[in-house]
């Protein structure tokens, strides 16, 4: 038994070392993003760079309140927003992340999330019509784990869990968000035209409610409704 455990640990270490040598960037789209609790708990002391990035795929809010990024087998134009990070000791970080996400590199069939290297689009210091790309490790959620028959998961139409969920630490509410898409022909990040029809301040709800099937569950929309119901003095 001890020998088997030692062999498994050694195999995991070899696989993680190879993964870090192949790529030392990581993409986060949930509570590991900056200003969220798990960032402070697991990443803050080790991070050396952070930038905004977009990953092709679909985003779901899972029953326990965590997000799950689904990467379909076929090419996908929908984007999920998050943060790309690099660390001083990626070997230490990848081990902690694998445990947190319940990813077993030696036995993927027993994993909850899967770690996949993906090509992301970076928005920092580049025009949106000419995005820079970068490879990063992404913890994805297997599509077969979705329980469609029980409707336990909620599709986050806008692709931004930070807006759908409760506010980040130290903020009253997240920034207004947009439905993200990627046009393969023109190679640029675009937003849904419905977002451009009227100024945000004139809307009782965020304009994405016009195309979002779960706006009633969206934390951003709920906060806007709550603020609109406050007396004028409290809104100021």
Foldseek 3Di string as FASTA:
>chain_A
DVVVVVVLVVVQLVVLVVVCVVPQKAWDQWQCAPLHDVVVVQPPVWWDDKFKKKFFFWWKQALVRTIATEDDPDDGFFIAITMMTGTPCSSVRVVVVCVVQQARPVCRVRGQWYWDWDKIWTDPPDDQLDTDIDIHIYTHGYPVPDDVVVPRMFTPQQNHSCFQDAHGHPDPHDDDGFRWTADPVSGGIDGDCQQVPDDQVVDLFRSCVVPGPPSVRGPNRVVSPVLVPDPPVVND
